[in-house]
C-alpha atoms as a PDB file:
ATOM      1  CA  UNK A   1       0.034   0.081  -0.067  1.00  0.00           C
ATOM      2  CA  UNK A   2       1.385   3.482  -0.812  1.00  0.00           C
ATOM      3  CA  UNK A   3       1.983   5.948   1.867  1.00  0.00           C
ATOM      4  CA  UNK A   4       0.376   9.292   1.519  1.00  0.00           C
ATOM      5  CA  UNK A   5       0.993  13.010   2.422  1.00  0.00           C
ATOM      6  CA  UNK A   6      -2.146  14.938   2.645  1.00  0.00           C
ATOM      7  CA  UNK A   7      -2.597  18.386   1.213  1.00  0.00           C
ATOM      8  CA  UNK A   8      -5.064  20.291   3.026  1.00  0.00           C
ATOM      9  CA  UNK A   9      -6.578  23.617   1.311  1.00  0.00           C
ATOM     10  CA  UNK A  10      -9.406  25.770   2.730  1.00  0.00           C
ATOM     11  CA  UNK A  11     -10.938  27.833  -0.156  1.00  0.00           C
ATOM     12  CA  UNK A  12     -13.878  30.427  -0.646  1.00  0.00           C
ATOM     13  CA  UNK A  13     -15.316  31.860  -3.827  1.00  0.00           C
ATOM     14  CA  UNK A  14     -13.071  34.927  -4.442  1.00  0.00           C
ATOM     15  CA  UNK A  15      -9.859  32.609  -4.415  1.00  0.00           C
ATOM     16  CA  UNK A  16     -11.145  29.621  -6.094  1.00  0.00           C
ATOM     17  CA  UNK A  17      -9.785  30.427  -9.449  1.00  0.00           C
ATOM     18  CA  UNK A  18      -6.260  30.161  -8.086  1.00  0.00           C
ATOM     19  CA  UNK A  19      -6.868  26.546  -7.536  1.00  0.00           C
ATOM     20  CA  UNK A  20      -5.782  25.755 -11.179  1.00  0.00           C
ATOM     21  CA  UNK A  21      -1.957  27.133 -10.414  1.00  0.00           C
ATOM     22  CA  UNK A  22      -2.021  25.172  -7.082  1.00  0.00           C
ATOM     23  CA  UNK A  23      -3.134  22.060  -8.684  1.00  0.00           C
ATOM     24  CA  UNK A  24      -0.306  22.568 -11.385  1.00  0.00           C
ATOM     25  CA  UNK A  25       2.197  22.791  -8.832  1.00  0.00           C
ATOM     26  CA  UNK A  26       1.002  19.677  -6.954  1.00  0.00           C
ATOM     27  CA  UNK A  27       1.330  17.821 -10.149  1.00  0.00           C
ATOM     28  CA  UNK A  28       5.046  18.872 -10.843  1.00  0.00           C
ATOM     29  CA  UNK A  29       6.032  17.323  -7.260  1.00  0.00           C
ATOM     30  CA  UNK A  30       8.153  14.216  -7.582  1.00  0.00           C
ATOM     31  CA  UNK A  31       7.778  12.145  -4.392  1.00  0.00           C
ATOM     32  CA  UNK A  32       9.848   9.554  -3.018  1.00  0.00           C
ATOM     33  CA  UNK A  33       9.111   5.871  -4.203  1.00  0.00           C
ATOM     34  CA  UNK A  34       5.881   4.358  -2.602  1.00  0.00           C
ATOM     35  CA  UNK A  35       4.714   7.863  -1.730  1.00  0.00           C
ATOM     36  CA  UNK A  36       1.472   9.549  -3.062  1.00  0.00           C
ATOM     37  CA  UNK A  37      -0.268  12.899  -2.360  1.00  0.00           C
ATOM     38  CA  UNK A  38      -4.092  13.260  -1.688  1.00  0.00           C
ATOM     39  CA  UNK A  39      -5.496  16.653  -1.938  1.00  0.00           C
ATOM     40  CA  UNK A  40      -8.336  17.905   0.508  1.00  0.00           C
ATOM     41  CA  UNK A  41     -10.002  20.825  -0.652  1.00  0.00           C
ATOM     42  CA  UNK A  42     -12.585  22.085   1.843  1.00  0.00           C
ATOM     43  CA  UNK A  43     -14.679  25.243   0.836  1.00  0.00           C
ATOM     44  CA  UNK A  44     -15.614  27.645   3.684  1.00  0.00           C
ATOM     45  CA  UNK A  45     -19.130  27.631   2.851  1.00  0.00           C
ATOM     46  CA  UNK A  46     -21.599  26.061   0.650  1.00  0.00           C
ATOM     47  CA  UNK A  47     -21.809  27.837  -2.774  1.00  0.00           C
ATOM     48  CA  UNK A  48     -21.730  27.167  -6.397  1.00  0.00           C
ATOM     49  CA  UNK A  49     -18.466  29.273  -6.762  1.00  0.00           C
ATOM     50  CA  UNK A  50     -15.821  26.789  -6.083  1.00  0.00           C
ATOM     51  CA  UNK A  51     -16.783  23.502  -7.550  1.00  0.00           C
ATOM     52  CA  UNK A  52     -16.161  24.476 -11.121  1.00  0.00           C
ATOM     53  CA  UNK A  53     -12.538  25.290 -10.303  1.00  0.00           C
ATOM     54  CA  UNK A  54     -11.718  22.026  -8.452  1.00  0.00           C
ATOM     55  CA  UNK A  55      -9.622  19.568 -10.631  1.00  0.00           C
ATOM     56  CA  UNK A  56     -11.077  16.516 -11.992  1.00  0.00           C
ATOM     57  CA  UNK A  57      -8.651  14.125 -10.620  1.00  0.00           C
ATOM     58  CA  UNK A  58      -8.920  10.916  -8.348  1.00  0.00           C
ATOM     59  CA  UNK A  59      -6.282  12.429  -5.903  1.00  0.00           C
ATOM     60  CA  UNK A  60      -8.286  15.342  -5.092  1.00  0.00           C
ATOM     61  CA  UNK A  61     -11.422  15.411  -2.847  1.00  0.00           C
ATOM     62  CA  UNK A  62     -13.658  18.453  -2.377  1.00  0.00           C
ATOM     63  CA  UNK A  63     -16.041  18.923   0.244  1.00  0.00           C
ATOM     64  CA  UNK A  64     -18.150  21.753   1.761  1.00  0.00           C
ATOM     65  CA  UNK A  65     -19.264  23.043   5.233  1.00  0.00           C
ATOM     66  CA  UNK A  66     -20.767  25.733   7.094  1.00  0.00           C
ATOM     67  CA  UNK A  67     -18.679  29.041   7.304  1.00  0.00           C
ATOM     68  CA  UNK A  68     -16.347  29.403   9.930  1.00  0.00           C
ATOM     69  CA  UNK A  69     -13.154  30.700   8.646  1.00  0.00           C
ATOM     70  CA  UNK A  70     -10.099  28.962   7.003  1.00  0.00           C
ATOM     71  CA  UNK A  71      -8.976  27.481  10.170  1.00  0.00           C
ATOM     72  CA  UNK A  72     -12.545  25.661  10.764  1.00  0.00           C
ATOM     73  CA  UNK A  73     -12.302  24.440   7.148  1.00  0.00           C
ATOM     74  CA  UNK A  74      -8.898  23.039   7.418  1.00  0.00           C
ATOM     75  CA  UNK A  75     -10.078  21.375  10.620  1.00  0.00           C
ATOM     76  CA  UNK A  76     -13.000  19.865   9.077  1.00  0.00           C
ATOM     77  CA  UNK A  77     -10.954  18.616   6.360  1.00  0.00           C
ATOM     78  CA  UNK A  78      -8.884  16.616   9.015  1.00  0.00           C
ATOM     79  CA  UNK A  79     -11.900  14.212   9.380  1.00  0.00           C
ATOM     80  CA  UNK A  80     -10.846  12.599   5.978  1.00  0.00           C
ATOM     81  CA  UNK A  81      -6.926  12.899   6.277  1.00  0.00           C
ATOM     82  CA  UNK A  82      -5.778   9.464   5.511  1.00  0.00           C
ATOM     83  CA  UNK A  83      -2.076   9.819   5.605  1.00  0.00           C
ATOM     84  CA  UNK A  84       0.830  10.423   8.039  1.00  0.00           C
ATOM     85  CA  UNK A  85       1.711  13.875   7.285  1.00  0.00           C
ATOM     86  CA  UNK A  86      -0.438  16.997   6.609  1.00  0.00           C
ATOM     87  CA  UNK A  87       0.741  19.689   4.395  1.00  0.00           C
ATOM     88  CA  UNK A  88      -0.882  23.163   4.276  1.00  0.00           C
ATOM     89  CA  UNK A  89      -1.456  24.667   1.179  1.00  0.00           C
ATOM     90  CA  UNK A  90      -3.488  27.910   0.656  1.00  0.00           C
ATOM     91  CA  UNK A  91      -5.673  28.097  -2.410  1.00  0.00           C
ATOM     92  CA  UNK A  92      -3.891  31.051  -3.864  1.00  0.00           C
ATOM     93  CA  UNK A  93      -0.283  29.702  -3.205  1.00  0.00           C
ATOM     94  CA  UNK A  94       1.968  27.337  -4.960  1.00  0.00           C
ATOM     95  CA  UNK A  95       4.409  24.643  -4.235  1.00  0.00           C
ATOM     96  CA  UNK A  96       7.798  24.841  -5.948  1.00  0.00           C
ATOM     97  CA  UNK A  97       9.350  21.612  -7.354  1.00  0.00           C
ATOM     98  CA  UNK A  98      10.541  19.165  -4.500  1.00  0.00           C
ATOM     99  CA  UNK A  99       8.859  20.854  -1.744  1.00  0.00           C
ATOM    100  CA  UNK A 100       7.022  17.747  -0.673  1.00  0.00           C
ATOM    101  CA  UNK A 101       9.870  15.387  -1.006  1.00  0.00           C
ATOM    102  CA  UNK A 102      11.950  17.626   1.268  1.00  0.00           C
ATOM    103  CA  UNK A 103       9.251  17.749   3.969  1.00  0.00           C
ATOM    104  CA  UNK A 104       8.925  13.882   3.849  1.00  0.00           C
ATOM    105  CA  UNK A 105      12.689  13.437   3.886  1.00  0.00           C
ATOM    106  CA  UNK A 106      12.960  15.539   7.008  1.00  0.00           C
ATOM    107  CA  UNK A 107      10.046  13.976   8.970  1.00  0.00           C
ATOM    108  CA  UNK A 108      11.080  10.261   7.961  1.00  0.00           C
ATOM    109  CA  UNK A 109      14.805  10.929   9.288  1.00  0.00           C
ATOM    110  CA  UNK A 110      14.071  12.323  12.539  1.00  0.00           C
ATOM    111  CA  UNK A 111      11.206  11.043  14.767  1.00  0.00           C
ATOM    112  CA  UNK A 112      11.859  13.841  17.114  1.00  0.00           C
ATOM    113  CA  UNK A 113      10.931  16.404  14.500  1.00  0.00           C
ATOM    114  CA  UNK A 114       7.177  16.972  14.631  1.00  0.00           C
ATOM    115  CA  UNK A 115       6.958  19.680  11.883  1.00  0.00           C
ATOM    116  CA  UNK A 116       8.572  21.381   9.108  1.00  0.00           C
ATOM    117  CA  UNK A 117       8.582  24.872   7.598  1.00  0.00           C
ATOM    118  CA  UNK A 118      10.619  26.159   4.571  1.00  0.00           C
ATOM    119  CA  UNK A 119      11.678  29.535   3.016  1.00  0.00           C
ATOM    120  CA  UNK A 120       8.991  31.622   1.316  1.00  0.00           C
ATOM    121  CA  UNK A 121       8.962  33.717  -1.811  1.00  0.00           C
ATOM    122  CA  UNK A 122       6.162  36.417  -2.080  1.00  0.00           C
ATOM    123  CA  UNK A 123       4.911  36.008  -5.447  1.00  0.00           C
ATOM    124  CA  UNK A 124       3.831  39.658  -6.785  1.00  0.00           C
ATOM    125  CA  UNK A 125       0.956  40.346  -9.315  1.00  0.00           C
ATOM    126  CA  UNK A 126       3.609  41.054 -12.035  1.00  0.00           C
ATOM    127  CA  UNK A 127       5.168  37.490 -11.534  1.00  0.00           C
ATOM    128  CA  UNK A 128       8.198  38.577  -9.809  1.00  0.00           C
ATOM    129  CA  UNK A 129       9.301  37.214  -6.369  1.00  0.00           C
ATOM    130  CA  UNK A 130      10.764  38.772  -3.282  1.00  0.00           C
ATOM    131  CA  UNK A 131      12.159  36.741  -0.421  1.00  0.00           C
ATOM    132  CA  UNK A 132      12.747  37.351   3.312  1.00  0.00           C
ATOM    133  CA  UNK A 133      15.899  38.649   4.580  1.00  0.00           C
ATOM    134  CA  UNK A 134      16.032  36.871   8.089  1.00  0.00           C
ATOM    135  CA  UNK A 135      15.464  33.458   7.301  1.00  0.00           C
ATOM    136  CA  UNK A 136      17.165  31.085  10.133  1.00  0.00           C
ATOM    137  CA  UNK A 137      19.774  28.629   9.254  1.00  0.00           C
ATOM    138  CA  UNK A 138      18.870  25.282   7.633  1.00  0.00           C
ATOM    139  CA  UNK A 139      18.170  22.691  10.554  1.00  0.00           C
ATOM    140  CA  UNK A 140      16.231  22.007  13.735  1.00  0.00           C
ATOM    141  CA  UNK A 141      14.225  24.541  15.415  1.00  0.00           C
ATOM    142  CA  UNK A 142      14.324  23.913  19.295  1.00  0.00           C
ATOM    143  CA  UNK A 143      11.437  24.020  21.546  1.00  0.00           C
ATOM    144  CA  UNK A 144      10.146  27.563  22.340  1.00  0.00           C
ATOM    145  CA  UNK A 145      12.321  29.358  19.700  1.00  0.00           C
ATOM    146  CA  UNK A 146       9.495  30.641  17.412  1.00  0.00           C
ATOM    147  CA  UNK A 147       7.884  32.113  20.418  1.00  0.00           C
ATOM    148  CA  UNK A 148      10.934  34.002  21.524  1.00  0.00           C
ATOM    149  CA  UNK A 149      11.464  35.392  18.181  1.00  0.00           C
ATOM    150  CA  UNK A 150       7.903  36.185  17.699  1.00  0.00           C
ATOM    151  CA  UNK A 151       7.699  38.135  20.943  1.00  0.00           C
ATOM    152  CA  UNK A 152      10.897  40.071  20.075  1.00  0.00           C
ATOM    153  CA  UNK A 153       9.955  40.947  16.517  1.00  0.00           C
ATOM    154  CA  UNK A 154       6.360  42.551  16.941  1.00  0.00           C
ATOM    155  CA  UNK A 155       4.289  39.263  16.538  1.00  0.00           C
ATOM    156  CA  UNK A 156       6.345  38.224  13.506  1.00  0.00           C
ATOM    157  CA  UNK A 157       7.908  34.499  13.473  1.00  0.00           C
ATOM    158  CA  UNK A 158      10.972  33.617  11.762  1.00  0.00           C
ATOM    159  CA  UNK A 159       9.197  31.006   9.863  1.00  0.00           C
ATOM    160  CA  UNK A 160       6.035  31.086   7.791  1.00  0.00           C
ATOM    161  CA  UNK A 161       2.986  29.143   9.153  1.00  0.00           C
ATOM    162  CA  UNK A 162       1.641  28.552   5.513  1.00  0.00           C
ATOM    163  CA  UNK A 163       4.652  26.319   4.841  1.00  0.00           C
ATOM    164  CA  UNK A 164       3.933  23.894   7.494  1.00  0.00           C
ATOM    165  CA  UNK A 165       3.919  20.253   7.188  1.00  0.00           C
ATOM    166  CA  UNK A 166       2.846  18.275  10.445  1.00  0.00           C
ATOM    167  CA  UNK A 167       2.742  14.945  11.541  1.00  0.00           C
ATOM    168  CA  UNK A 168      -0.943  14.199  11.519  1.00  0.00           C
ATOM    169  CA  UNK A 169      -1.321  12.696  15.014  1.00  0.00           C
ATOM    170  CA  UNK A 170       0.355  15.822  16.498  1.00  0.00           C
ATOM    171  CA  UNK A 171      -1.942  17.961  14.468  1.00  0.00           C
ATOM    172  CA  UNK A 172      -4.878  16.093  15.822  1.00  0.00           C
ATOM    173  CA  UNK A 173      -3.528  16.404  19.379  1.00  0.00           C
ATOM    174  CA  UNK A 174      -3.288  20.087  19.334  1.00  0.00           C
ATOM    175  CA  UNK A 175      -7.026  20.329  17.925  1.00  0.00           C
ATOM    176  CA  UNK A 176      -5.915  21.498  14.569  1.00  0.00           C
ATOM    177  CA  UNK A 177      -6.034  25.266  13.962  1.00  0.00           C
ATOM    178  CA  UNK A 178      -7.311  27.842  16.423  1.00  0.00           C
ATOM    179  CA  UNK A 179     -10.842  29.079  16.385  1.00  0.00           C
ATOM    180  CA  UNK A 180      -9.805  32.769  15.417  1.00  0.00           C
ATOM    181  CA  UNK A 181     -10.908  35.187  12.857  1.00  0.00           C
ATOM    182  CA  UNK A 182      -7.377  35.345  11.486  1.00  0.00           C
ATOM    183  CA  UNK A 183      -3.760  34.241  12.665  1.00  0.00           C
ATOM    184  CA  UNK A 184      -5.287  30.780  12.981  1.00  0.00           C
ATOM    185  CA  UNK A 185      -2.176  29.335  11.339  1.00  0.00           C
ATOM    186  CA  UNK A 186       0.133  31.271  13.675  1.00  0.00           C
ATOM    187  CA  UNK A 187      -1.625  29.935  16.687  1.00  0.00           C
ATOM    188  CA  UNK A 188      -0.829  26.459  15.314  1.00  0.00           C
ATOM    189  CA  UNK A 189       2.721  27.403  14.624  1.00  0.00           C
ATOM    190  CA  UNK A 190       3.261  28.692  18.306  1.00  0.00           C
ATOM    191  CA  UNK A 191       1.334  25.584  19.629  1.00  0.00           C
ATOM    192  CA  UNK A 192       3.592  23.230  17.688  1.00  0.00           C
ATOM    193  CA  UNK A 193       6.668  25.161  18.808  1.00  0.00           C
ATOM    194  CA  UNK A 194       5.493  24.837  22.440  1.00  0.00           C
ATOM    195  CA  UNK A 195       5.577  20.852  22.235  1.00  0.00           C
ATOM    196  CA  UNK A 196       7.878  19.637  19.630  1.00  0.00           C
ATOM    197  CA  UNK A 197      10.886  20.417  17.870  1.00  0.00           C
ATOM    198  CA  UNK A 198      10.678  21.592  14.458  1.00  0.00           C
ATOM    199  CA  UNK A 199      12.883  22.080  11.270  1.00  0.00           C
ATOM    200  CA  UNK A 200      13.484  24.777   8.898  1.00  0.00           C
ATOM    201  CA  UNK A 201      14.382  23.959   5.210  1.00  0.00           C
ATOM    202  CA  UNK A 202      16.050  26.600   3.498  1.00  0.00           C
ATOM    203  CA  UNK A 203      15.193  25.759   0.203  1.00  0.00           C
ATOM    204  CA  UNK A 204      12.142  27.587  -1.199  1.00  0.00           C
ATOM    205  CA  UNK A 205       8.859  25.631  -0.156  1.00  0.00           C
ATOM    206  CA  UNK A 206       6.288  28.062  -1.084  1.00  0.00           C
ATOM    207  CA  UNK A 207       5.191  30.744  -3.519  1.00  0.00           C
ATOM    208  CA  UNK A 208       3.150  32.976  -1.457  1.00  0.00           C
ATOM    209  CA  UNK A 209       0.845  34.961  -3.757  1.00  0.00           C
ATOM    210  CA  UNK A 210       0.203  38.738  -2.998  1.00  0.00           C
ATOM    211  CA  UNK A 211      -3.170  39.960  -4.615  1.00  0.00           C
ATOM    212  CA  UNK A 212      -5.948  42.278  -3.545  1.00  0.00           C
ATOM    213  CA  UNK A 213      -8.358  39.793  -2.670  1.00  0.00           C
ATOM    214  CA  UNK A 214      -6.074  37.886  -0.062  1.00  0.00           C
ATOM    215  CA  UNK A 215      -7.630  37.784   3.650  1.00  0.00           C
ATOM    216  CA  UNK A 216      -4.308  39.412   4.966  1.00  0.00           C
ATOM    217  CA  UNK A 217      -4.530  42.299   2.727  1.00  0.00           C
ATOM    218  CA  UNK A 218      -7.959  43.345   4.020  1.00  0.00           C
ATOM    219  CA  UNK A 219      -8.441  46.101   6.519  1.00  0.00           C
ATOM    220  CA  UNK A 220     -10.123  43.949   9.158  1.00  0.00           C
ATOM    221  CA  UNK A 221      -6.872  42.023   9.516  1.00  0.00           C
ATOM    222  CA  UNK A 222      -4.955  44.888  10.974  1.00  0.00           C
ATOM    223  CA  UNK A 223      -7.760  46.265  13.254  1.00  0.00           C
ATOM    224  CA  UNK A 224      -5.726  47.076  16.433  1.00  0.00           C
ATOM    225  CA  UNK A 225      -8.073  45.915  18.777  1.00  0.00           C
ATOM    226  CA  UNK A 226      -8.846  42.704  17.170  1.00  0.00           C
ATOM    227  CA  UNK A 227      -4.947  41.880  16.374  1.00  0.00           C
ATOM    228  CA  UNK A 228      -4.016  42.538  20.030  1.00  0.00           C
ATOM    229  CA  UNK A 229      -6.739  40.097  21.337  1.00  0.00           C
ATOM    230  CA  UNK A 230      -5.764  37.452  18.789  1.00  0.00           C
ATOM    231  CA  UNK A 231      -1.978  37.832  19.607  1.00  0.00           C
ATOM    232  CA  UNK A 232      -2.792  37.616  23.404  1.00  0.00           C
ATOM    233  CA  UNK A 233      -4.862  34.445  22.985  1.00  0.00           C
ATOM    234  CA  UNK A 234      -2.083  32.727  20.755  1.00  0.00           C
ATOM    235  CA  UNK A 235       0.723  33.693  23.109  1.00  0.00           C
ATOM    236  CA  UNK A 236      -1.393  32.482  26.264  1.00  0.00           C
ATOM    237  CA  UNK A 237      -1.962  28.986  24.633  1.00  0.00           C
ATOM    238  CA  UNK A 238       1.724  28.588  23.636  1.00  0.00           C
ATOM    239  CA  UNK A 239       2.668  29.536  27.363  1.00  0.00           C
ATOM    240  CA  UNK A 240       0.083  27.063  28.640  1.00  0.00           C
ATOM    241  CA  UNK A 241       1.145  24.161  26.411  1.00  0.00           C
ATOM    242  CA  UNK A 242       4.936  24.757  27.196  1.00  0.00           C
ATOM    243  CA  UNK A 243       4.171  24.945  30.886  1.00  0.00           C
ATOM    244  CA  UNK A 244       2.215  21.496  30.826  1.00  0.00           C
ATOM    245  CA  UNK A 245       4.958  19.920  28.807  1.00  0.00           C
ATOM    246  CA  UNK A 246       7.647  21.207  31.112  1.00  0.00           C
ATOM    247  CA  UNK A 247       5.508  20.241  34.547  1.00  0.00           C
ATOM    248  CA  UNK A 248       3.357  17.144  33.357  1.00  0.00           C
ATOM    249  CA  UNK A 249       5.231  15.387  30.873  1.00  0.00           C
ATOM    250  CA  UNK A 250       5.221  11.526  31.452  1.00  0.00           C
ATOM    251  CA  UNK A 251       8.715  10.102  31.841  1.00  0.00           C
ATOM    252  CA  UNK A 252       9.687   6.534  31.887  1.00  0.00           C
END
């Protein structure tokens, strides 16, 4: 039986037309022998806007559900995650060649690593790309390192949550994505950082599309009062998880 890496994508009407580019990037992935991918596309809502853009491919599963935001949609998709690892791919983003194989290689090589992230290039409307000039070194990310950096850099992590690849059991143990109107992926990243070592891959692992319709470009995303509340609960959760890991971990 072939082993699977699960790709989870939340989508709504305005971003559905980008699914074709995401699909092309998946089809270009070369996986290790005996591995295959399964793409779970979960619509955040129940409309007629998304289905026409879903590829006709037996490796693609499309479902719909009540609106609750991208975190809820991704978490609902986990009900059908039938593989060992879960890779996040937003509907408007693309995976460069080799991204999935690199994630699999790291997680297969070291059982102490619970999750991976990788380098991101912003994909601008004119087709050009821009990188981040503060990427960490290639290698393990020790417990608590993301939270420490995030606090010191105005709530900006040194790694991008949109590049996460996570062991499915660990993702389920943490309850999936946080129930927040935004920053739900940052909340997951910091929760992972609190309980498990990660790994940063310096090869480019994501083309992060910048376009007017993306959620992070909307005014509501930067509302000061809401942002402060989101960051407060994200930090409190990470601290609580770290506390329980330190004080209540079962040792043999």
